[in-house]
Amino acid sequence: MEKEIENLKKEIEEIKERNRKVELDKKWETSTLRKVCIAVLTYIVVIIYTILISKISNVFLTSLVPVIGFTLSTLSLKVIRNLWEKKNV
């Protein structure tokens, strides 16, 4: 009987640990830092790409276009997801 109780305690602790990891993953997926990092990395890649393929006079300004588009899409997806969840719950 004691062994079963110990096994159950161990399983509960494993479940709690897994839940902590899942909650942390969820927080990261919605964090502002993650969104900013993605935007900055996208901007850097677009700058490099633009420099390599053309001689645009203002590379830095031109490179903002896809970053703004991407950022707006990530912000709007949250609204769309909320609407979807309300409909499917």
Protein backbone atom coordinates (compact mmCIF):
# COMPACT_ATOMS: atom_id res chain seq x y z
CA MET A 1 0.00 0.00 0.00
CA GLU A 2 2.80 2.44 0.84
CA LYS A 3 4.49 1.72 -2.46
CA GLU A 4 1.31 2.55 -4.34
CA ILE A 5 0.98 5.82 -2.45
CA GLU A 6 4.58 6.70 -3.26
CA ASN A 7 4.00 5.87 -6.93
CA LEU A 8 0.92 8.09 -6.97
CA LYS A 9 2.86 10.94 -5.33
CA LYS A 10 5.60 10.56 -7.92
CA GLU A 11 3.07 10.60 -10.78
CA ILE A 12 1.41 13.71 -9.35
CA GLU A 13 4.75 15.51 -9.15
CA GLU A 14 5.56 14.51 -12.75
CA ILE A 15 2.18 15.86 -13.89
CA LYS A 16 2.76 19.12 -11.99
CA GLU A 17 6.20 19.49 -13.58
CA ARG A 18 4.79 18.86 -17.06
CA ASN A 19 2.04 21.42 -16.42
CA ARG A 20 4.63 24.00 -15.37
CA LYS A 21 6.51 23.44 -18.63
CA VAL A 22 3.31 23.70 -20.68
CA GLU A 23 2.34 26.94 -18.93
CA LEU A 24 5.78 28.37 -19.58
CA ASP A 25 5.51 27.43 -23.27
CA LYS A 26 2.15 29.19 -23.46
CA LYS A 27 3.55 32.32 -21.84
CA TRP A 28 6.46 32.36 -24.28
CA GLU A 29 4.22 31.94 -27.31
CA THR A 30 2.24 35.05 -26.30
CA SER A 31 5.10 37.13 -24.90
CA THR A 32 5.94 40.57 -26.23
CA LEU A 33 9.62 39.68 -26.18
CA ARG A 34 9.02 36.81 -28.61
CA LYS A 35 7.10 39.07 -30.99
CA VAL A 36 9.76 41.77 -30.86
CA CYS A 37 12.54 39.23 -31.48
CA ILE A 38 10.71 37.82 -34.49
CA ALA A 39 10.15 41.32 -35.86
CA VAL A 40 13.80 42.32 -35.39
CA LEU A 41 15.13 39.10 -36.93
CA THR A 42 12.74 39.46 -39.85
CA TYR A 43 13.90 43.04 -40.35
CA ILE A 44 17.57 42.00 -40.38
CA VAL A 45 16.94 39.22 -42.89
CA VAL A 46 14.99 41.53 -45.18
CA ILE A 47 17.75 44.16 -45.02
CA ILE A 48 20.37 41.59 -46.01
CA TYR A 49 18.14 40.21 -48.76
CA THR A 50 17.38 43.67 -50.13
CA ILE A 51 21.06 44.66 -50.14
CA LEU A 52 21.94 41.47 -52.01
CA ILE A 53 19.29 41.72 -54.71
CA SER A 54 19.01 45.40 -55.48
CA LYS A 55 20.35 48.89 -55.16
CA ILE A 56 17.39 50.52 -53.41
CA SER A 57 18.35 53.94 -52.05
CA ASN A 58 16.72 53.51 -48.63
CA VAL A 59 17.11 49.86 -47.71
CA PHE A 60 16.25 50.36 -44.05
CA LEU A 61 12.92 52.04 -44.75
CA THR A 62 11.98 49.58 -47.51
CA SER A 63 12.78 46.66 -45.24
CA LEU A 64 10.22 47.84 -42.69
CA VAL A 65 7.31 46.95 -45.00
CA PRO A 66 7.38 43.15 -44.50
CA VAL A 67 8.14 43.54 -40.79
CA ILE A 68 5.10 45.75 -40.28
CA GLY A 69 2.98 43.32 -42.27
CA PHE A 70 4.20 40.36 -40.24
CA THR A 71 3.72 42.16 -36.93
CA LEU A 72 0.19 43.21 -37.84
CA SER A 73 -0.63 39.65 -38.83
CA THR A 74 0.55 38.28 -35.48
CA LEU A 75 -1.55 40.84 -33.64
CA SER A 76 -4.66 40.11 -35.69
CA LEU A 77 -4.28 36.35 -35.27
CA LYS A 78 -4.97 36.74 -31.54
CA VAL A 79 -8.29 38.41 -32.30
CA ILE A 80 -9.17 35.75 -34.86
CA ARG A 81 -8.21 32.96 -32.45
CA ASN A 82 -10.39 34.45 -29.69
CA LEU A 83 -13.36 34.56 -32.04
CA TRP A 84 -12.68 30.99 -33.14
CA GLU A 85 -12.46 29.77 -29.54
CA LYS A 86 -15.79 31.38 -28.63
CA LYS A 87 -17.44 29.66 -31.55
CA ASN A 88 -15.87 26.24 -30.93
CA VAL A 89 -16.19 25.99 -27.14
